[in-house]
PDB file of all heavy atoms in Angstrom:
ATOM      1  N   VAL A   1      -0.171   4.354  -2.536  1.00  0.00           N
ATOM      2  CA  VAL A   1      -0.238   4.646  -1.102  1.00  0.00           C
ATOM      3  C   VAL A   1      -1.605   4.212  -0.590  1.00  0.00           C
ATOM      4  O   VAL A   1      -2.637   4.600  -1.144  1.00  0.00           O
ATOM      5  CB  VAL A   1      -0.019   6.151  -0.849  1.00  0.00           C
ATOM      6  CG1 VAL A   1      -0.180   6.481   0.623  1.00  0.00           C
ATOM      7  CG2 VAL A   1       1.360   6.572  -1.351  1.00  0.00           C
ATOM      8  N   PRO A   2      -1.626   3.397   0.491  1.00  0.00           N
ATOM      9  CA  PRO A   2      -2.910   2.927   1.002  1.00  0.00           C
ATOM     10  C   PRO A   2      -3.662   4.037   1.730  1.00  0.00           C
ATOM     11  O   PRO A   2      -3.059   4.885   2.385  1.00  0.00           O
ATOM     12  CB  PRO A   2      -2.519   1.811   1.977  1.00  0.00           C
ATOM     13  CG  PRO A   2      -1.161   2.199   2.445  1.00  0.00           C
ATOM     14  CD  PRO A   2      -0.505   2.879   1.272  1.00  0.00           C
ATOM     15  N   ARG A   3      -4.971   4.009   1.606  1.00  0.00           N
ATOM     16  CA  ARG A   3      -5.808   4.877   2.433  1.00  0.00           C
ATOM     17  C   ARG A   3      -5.941   4.202   3.786  1.00  0.00           C
ATOM     18  O   ARG A   3      -6.108   2.998   3.873  1.00  0.00           O
ATOM     19  CB  ARG A   3      -7.188   5.054   1.811  1.00  0.00           C
ATOM     20  CG  ARG A   3      -7.132   5.879   0.560  1.00  0.00           C
ATOM     21  CD  ARG A   3      -8.518   6.180   0.086  1.00  0.00           C
ATOM     22  NE  ARG A   3      -8.445   6.918  -1.172  1.00  0.00           N
ATOM     23  CZ  ARG A   3      -9.498   7.182  -1.896  1.00  0.00           C
ATOM     24  NH1 ARG A   3     -10.699   6.778  -1.515  1.00  0.00           N
ATOM     25  NH2 ARG A   3      -9.361   7.855  -3.033  1.00  0.00           N
ATOM     26  N   THR A   4      -5.854   4.971   4.829  1.00  0.00           N
ATOM     27  CA  THR A   4      -5.934   4.411   6.176  1.00  0.00           C
ATOM     28  C   THR A   4      -7.134   4.992   6.898  1.00  0.00           C
ATOM     29  O   THR A   4      -7.799   5.886   6.389  1.00  0.00           O
ATOM     30  CB  THR A   4      -4.655   4.720   6.972  1.00  0.00           C
ATOM     31  OG1 THR A   4      -4.494   6.139   7.027  1.00  0.00           O
ATOM     32  CG2 THR A   4      -3.438   4.100   6.326  1.00  0.00           C
ATOM     33  N   GLY A   5      -7.367   4.486   8.091  1.00  0.00           N
ATOM     34  CA  GLY A   5      -8.421   5.089   8.880  1.00  0.00           C
ATOM     35  C   GLY A   5      -9.445   4.148   9.450  1.00  0.00           C
ATOM     36  O   GLY A   5     -10.619   4.454   9.462  1.00  0.00           O
ATOM     37  N   ASN A   6      -9.007   2.971   9.936  1.00  0.00           N
ATOM     38  CA  ASN A   6      -9.996   2.124  10.592  1.00  0.00           C
ATOM     39  C   ASN A   6     -10.306   2.624  11.998  1.00  0.00           C
ATOM     40  O   ASN A   6     -11.200   2.127  12.649  1.00  0.00           O
ATOM     41  CB  ASN A   6      -9.566   0.645  10.600  1.00  0.00           C
ATOM     42  CG  ASN A   6      -8.373   0.366  11.513  1.00  0.00           C
ATOM     43  OD1 ASN A   6      -7.912   1.227  12.267  1.00  0.00           O
ATOM     44  ND2 ASN A   6      -7.856  -0.839  11.438  1.00  0.00           N
ATOM     45  N   GLY A   7      -9.514   3.618  12.478  1.00  0.00           N
ATOM     46  CA  GLY A   7      -9.777   4.227  13.769  1.00  0.00           C
ATOM     47  C   GLY A   7      -9.337   3.413  14.975  1.00  0.00           C
ATOM     48  O   GLY A   7      -9.428   3.868  16.093  1.00  0.00           O
ATOM     49  N   ARG A   8      -8.832   2.201  14.764  1.00  0.00           N
ATOM     50  CA  ARG A   8      -8.456   1.352  15.892  1.00  0.00           C
ATOM     51  C   ARG A   8      -6.991   1.521  16.282  1.00  0.00           C
ATOM     52  O   ARG A   8      -6.601   1.113  17.359  1.00  0.00           O
ATOM     53  CB  ARG A   8      -8.722  -0.110  15.551  1.00  0.00           C
ATOM     54  CG  ARG A   8     -10.193  -0.397  15.306  1.00  0.00           C
ATOM     55  CD  ARG A   8     -10.460  -1.878  15.189  1.00  0.00           C
ATOM     56  NE  ARG A   8      -9.439  -2.562  14.415  1.00  0.00           N
ATOM     57  CZ  ARG A   8      -9.673  -3.307  13.341  1.00  0.00           C
ATOM     58  NH1 ARG A   8     -10.900  -3.437  12.903  1.00  0.00           N
ATOM     59  NH2 ARG A   8      -8.692  -3.910  12.711  1.00  0.00           N
ATOM     60  N   GLY A   9      -6.169   2.034  15.420  1.00  0.00           N
ATOM     61  CA  GLY A   9      -4.758   2.198  15.734  1.00  0.00           C
ATOM     62  C   GLY A   9      -3.927   0.948  15.532  1.00  0.00           C
ATOM     63  O   GLY A   9      -2.719   0.978  15.672  1.00  0.00           O
ATOM     64  N   ASP A  10      -4.575  -0.187  15.237  1.00  0.00           N
ATOM     65  CA  ASP A  10      -3.827  -1.428  15.038  1.00  0.00           C
ATOM     66  C   ASP A  10      -3.673  -1.768  13.557  1.00  0.00           C
ATOM     67  O   ASP A  10      -3.267  -2.862  13.207  1.00  0.00           O
ATOM     68  CB  ASP A  10      -4.503  -2.588  15.766  1.00  0.00           C
ATOM     69  CG  ASP A  10      -5.891  -2.895  15.226  1.00  0.00           C
ATOM     70  OD1 ASP A  10      -6.428  -2.083  14.442  1.00  0.00           O
ATOM     71  OD2 ASP A  10      -6.446  -3.943  15.594  1.00  0.00           O
ATOM     72  N   GLU A  11      -3.981  -0.831  12.735  1.00  0.00           N
ATOM     73  CA  GLU A  11      -3.979  -1.062  11.294  1.00  0.00           C
ATOM     74  C   GLU A  11      -2.569  -1.312  10.750  1.00  0.00           C
ATOM     75  O   GLU A  11      -1.618  -0.654  11.138  1.00  0.00           O
ATOM     76  CB  GLU A  11      -4.590   0.152  10.601  1.00  0.00           C
ATOM     77  CG  GLU A  11      -4.828  -0.036   9.132  1.00  0.00           C
ATOM     78  CD  GLU A  11      -5.685   1.090   8.578  1.00  0.00           C
ATOM     79  OE1 GLU A  11      -5.428   2.249   8.894  1.00  0.00           O
ATOM     80  OE2 GLU A  11      -6.612   0.773   7.834  1.00  0.00           O
ATOM     81  N   ILE A  12      -2.474  -2.275   9.867  1.00  0.00           N
ATOM     82  CA  ILE A  12      -1.239  -2.547   9.138  1.00  0.00           C
ATOM     83  C   ILE A  12      -1.424  -1.993   7.736  1.00  0.00           C
ATOM     84  O   ILE A  12      -2.459  -2.219   7.109  1.00  0.00           O
ATOM     85  CB  ILE A  12      -0.944  -4.059   9.071  1.00  0.00           C
ATOM     86  CG1 ILE A  12      -0.713  -4.616  10.473  1.00  0.00           C
ATOM     87  CG2 ILE A  12       0.259  -4.332   8.178  1.00  0.00           C
ATOM     88  CD1 ILE A  12      -0.642  -6.124  10.524  1.00  0.00           C
ATOM     89  N   THR A  13      -0.447  -1.247   7.265  1.00  0.00           N
ATOM     90  CA  THR A  13      -0.534  -0.709   5.911  1.00  0.00           C
ATOM     91  C   THR A  13       0.586  -1.282   5.054  1.00  0.00           C
ATOM     92  O   THR A  13       1.610  -1.742   5.564  1.00  0.00           O
ATOM     93  CB  THR A  13      -0.441   0.831   5.907  1.00  0.00           C
ATOM     94  OG1 THR A  13       0.824   1.217   6.442  1.00  0.00           O
ATOM     95  CG2 THR A  13      -1.572   1.452   6.688  1.00  0.00           C
ATOM     96  N   MET A  14       0.389  -1.229   3.756  1.00  0.00           N
ATOM     97  CA  MET A  14       1.373  -1.737   2.819  1.00  0.00           C
ATOM     98  C   MET A  14       1.475  -0.747   1.659  1.00  0.00           C
ATOM     99  O   MET A  14       0.551  -0.636   0.853  1.00  0.00           O
ATOM    100  CB  MET A  14       0.971  -3.123   2.312  1.00  0.00           C
ATOM    101  CG  MET A  14       2.009  -3.766   1.436  1.00  0.00           C
ATOM    102  SD  MET A  14       1.550  -5.446   0.945  1.00  0.00           S
ATOM    103  CE  MET A  14       0.299  -5.113  -0.271  1.00  0.00           C
ATOM    104  N   GLU A  15       2.576  -0.043   1.604  1.00  0.00           N
ATOM    105  CA  GLU A  15       2.852   0.904   0.525  1.00  0.00           C
ATOM    106  C   GLU A  15       3.613   0.141  -0.564  1.00  0.00           C
ATOM    107  O   GLU A  15       4.471  -0.688  -0.246  1.00  0.00           O
ATOM    108  CB  GLU A  15       3.723   2.016   1.107  1.00  0.00           C
ATOM    109  CG  GLU A  15       3.820   3.250   0.310  1.00  0.00           C
ATOM    110  CD  GLU A  15       4.545   4.336   1.101  1.00  0.00           C
ATOM    111  OE1 GLU A  15       4.780   4.186   2.315  1.00  0.00           O
ATOM    112  OE2 GLU A  15       4.884   5.336   0.465  1.00  0.00           O
ATOM    113  N   VAL A  16       3.305   0.401  -1.835  1.00  0.00           N
ATOM    114  CA  VAL A  16       3.854  -0.413  -2.927  1.00  0.00           C
ATOM    115  C   VAL A  16       4.379   0.468  -4.053  1.00  0.00           C
ATOM    116  O   VAL A  16       3.772   1.490  -4.390  1.00  0.00           O
ATOM    117  CB  VAL A  16       2.761  -1.363  -3.496  1.00  0.00           C
ATOM    118  CG1 VAL A  16       3.310  -2.228  -4.608  1.00  0.00           C
ATOM    119  CG2 VAL A  16       2.147  -2.210  -2.406  1.00  0.00           C
ATOM    120  N   TRP A  17       5.515   0.053  -4.637  1.00  0.00           N
ATOM    121  CA  TRP A  17       6.060   0.687  -5.829  1.00  0.00           C
ATOM    122  C   TRP A  17       6.091  -0.375  -6.932  1.00  0.00           C
ATOM    123  O   TRP A  17       6.737  -1.415  -6.785  1.00  0.00           O
ATOM    124  CB  TRP A  17       7.478   1.189  -5.570  1.00  0.00           C
ATOM    125  CG  TRP A  17       7.552   2.376  -4.678  1.00  0.00           C
ATOM    126  CD1 TRP A  17       7.705   3.678  -5.073  1.00  0.00           C
ATOM    127  CD2 TRP A  17       7.504   2.406  -3.245  1.00  0.00           C
ATOM    128  NE1 TRP A  17       7.750   4.499  -3.961  1.00  0.00           N
ATOM    129  CE2 TRP A  17       7.618   3.748  -2.831  1.00  0.00           C
ATOM    130  CE3 TRP A  17       7.345   1.418  -2.259  1.00  0.00           C
ATOM    131  CZ2 TRP A  17       7.608   4.129  -1.490  1.00  0.00           C
ATOM    132  CZ3 TRP A  17       7.325   1.798  -0.917  1.00  0.00           C
ATOM    133  CH2 TRP A  17       7.460   3.140  -0.559  1.00  0.00           C
ATOM    134  N   LEU A  18       5.367  -0.141  -8.027  1.00  0.00           N
ATOM    135  CA  LEU A  18       5.274  -1.076  -9.148  1.00  0.00           C
ATOM    136  C   LEU A  18       6.095  -0.556 -10.316  1.00  0.00           C
ATOM    137  O   LEU A  18       6.070   0.641 -10.614  1.00  0.00           O
ATOM    138  CB  LEU A  18       3.825  -1.240  -9.586  1.00  0.00           C
ATOM    139  CG  LEU A  18       2.825  -1.660  -8.519  1.00  0.00           C
ATOM    140  CD1 LEU A  18       1.403  -1.608  -9.071  1.00  0.00           C
ATOM    141  CD2 LEU A  18       3.142  -3.029  -7.986  1.00  0.00           C
ATOM    142  N   ALA A  19       6.801  -1.446 -11.004  1.00  0.00           N
ATOM    143  CA  ALA A  19       7.630  -1.049 -12.142  1.00  0.00           C
ATOM    144  C   ALA A  19       6.924  -1.390 -13.456  1.00  0.00           C
ATOM    145  O   ALA A  19       6.838  -2.558 -13.830  1.00  0.00           O
ATOM    146  CB  ALA A  19       8.986  -1.749 -12.088  1.00  0.00           C
ATOM    147  N   PRO A  20       6.402  -0.385 -14.179  1.00  0.00           N
ATOM    148  CA  PRO A  20       5.756  -0.656 -15.468  1.00  0.00           C
ATOM    149  C   PRO A  20       6.676  -1.375 -16.454  1.00  0.00           C
ATOM    150  O   PRO A  20       6.223  -2.227 -17.214  1.00  0.00           O
ATOM    151  CB  PRO A  20       5.384   0.737 -15.978  1.00  0.00           C
ATOM    152  CG  PRO A  20       5.240   1.557 -14.743  1.00  0.00           C
ATOM    153  CD  PRO A  20       6.289   1.023 -13.801  1.00  0.00           C
ATOM    154  N   SER A  21       7.984  -1.086 -16.406  1.00  0.00           N
ATOM    155  CA  SER A  21       8.922  -1.727 -17.335  1.00  0.00           C
ATOM    156  C   SER A  21       9.129  -3.204 -17.020  1.00  0.00           C
ATOM    157  O   SER A  21       9.690  -3.940 -17.834  1.00  0.00           O
ATOM    158  CB  SER A  21      10.268  -1.010 -17.312  1.00  0.00           C
ATOM    159  OG  SER A  21      10.869  -1.138 -16.029  1.00  0.00           O
ATOM    160  N   LEU A  22       8.680  -3.654 -15.843  1.00  0.00           N
ATOM    161  CA  LEU A  22       8.804  -5.053 -15.436  1.00  0.00           C
ATOM    162  C   LEU A  22       7.421  -5.680 -15.261  1.00  0.00           C
ATOM    163  O   LEU A  22       7.182  -6.459 -14.344  1.00  0.00           O
ATOM    164  CB  LEU A  22       9.602  -5.162 -14.130  1.00  0.00           C
ATOM    165  CG  LEU A  22      11.021  -4.604 -14.165  1.00  0.00           C
ATOM    166  CD1 LEU A  22      11.650  -4.641 -12.786  1.00  0.00           C
ATOM    167  CD2 LEU A  22      11.868  -5.356 -15.180  1.00  0.00           C
ATOM    168  N   GLN A  23       6.500  -5.318 -16.141  1.00  0.00           N
ATOM    169  CA  GLN A  23       5.139  -5.847 -16.133  1.00  0.00           C
ATOM    170  C   GLN A  23       4.434  -5.567 -14.802  1.00  0.00           C
ATOM    171  O   GLN A  23       3.691  -6.378 -14.285  1.00  0.00           O
ATOM    172  CB  GLN A  23       5.135  -7.345 -16.452  1.00  0.00           C
ATOM    173  CG  GLN A  23       5.721  -7.660 -17.800  1.00  0.00           C
ATOM    174  CD  GLN A  23       5.863  -9.147 -18.032  1.00  0.00           C
ATOM    175  OE1 GLN A  23       5.579  -9.971 -17.185  1.00  0.00           O
ATOM    176  NE2 GLN A  23       6.325  -9.495 -19.217  1.00  0.00           N
ATOM    177  N   TYR A  24       4.688  -4.402 -14.230  1.00  0.00           N
ATOM    178  CA  TYR A  24       4.091  -3.939 -12.976  1.00  0.00           C
ATOM    179  C   TYR A  24       4.452  -4.825 -11.787  1.00  0.00           C
ATOM    180  O   TYR A  24       3.716  -4.919 -10.817  1.00  0.00           O
ATOM    181  CB  TYR A  24       2.575  -3.758 -13.109  1.00  0.00           C
ATOM    182  CG  TYR A  24       2.256  -2.618 -14.035  1.00  0.00           C
ATOM    183  CD1 TYR A  24       2.010  -2.855 -15.392  1.00  0.00           C
ATOM    184  CD2 TYR A  24       2.240  -1.309 -13.579  1.00  0.00           C
ATOM    185  CE1 TYR A  24       1.753  -1.800 -16.258  1.00  0.00           C
ATOM    186  CE2 TYR A  24       1.980  -0.252 -14.444  1.00  0.00           C
ATOM    187  CZ  TYR A  24       1.732  -0.513 -15.777  1.00  0.00           C
ATOM    188  OH  TYR A  24       1.485   0.522 -16.628  1.00  0.00           O
ATOM    189  N   LEU A  25       5.614  -5.426 -11.830  1.00  0.00           N
ATOM    190  CA  LEU A  25       6.122  -6.198 -10.707  1.00  0.00           C
ATOM    191  C   LEU A  25       6.390  -5.241  -9.544  1.00  0.00           C
ATOM    192  O   LEU A  25       6.944  -4.164  -9.738  1.00  0.00           O
ATOM    193  CB  LEU A  25       7.433  -6.889 -11.117  1.00  0.00           C
ATOM    194  CG  LEU A  25       8.091  -7.777 -10.078  1.00  0.00           C
ATOM    195  CD1 LEU A  25       7.298  -9.086  -9.954  1.00  0.00           C
ATOM    196  CD2 LEU A  25       9.521  -8.092 -10.497  1.00  0.00           C
TER     197      LEU A  25
END
């Protein structure tokens, strides 16, 4: 989960789920 908080409100975030069984793909 990305940390947010640039305070501008225009921030783009990217949440990611990695699979250890697939070499963290």
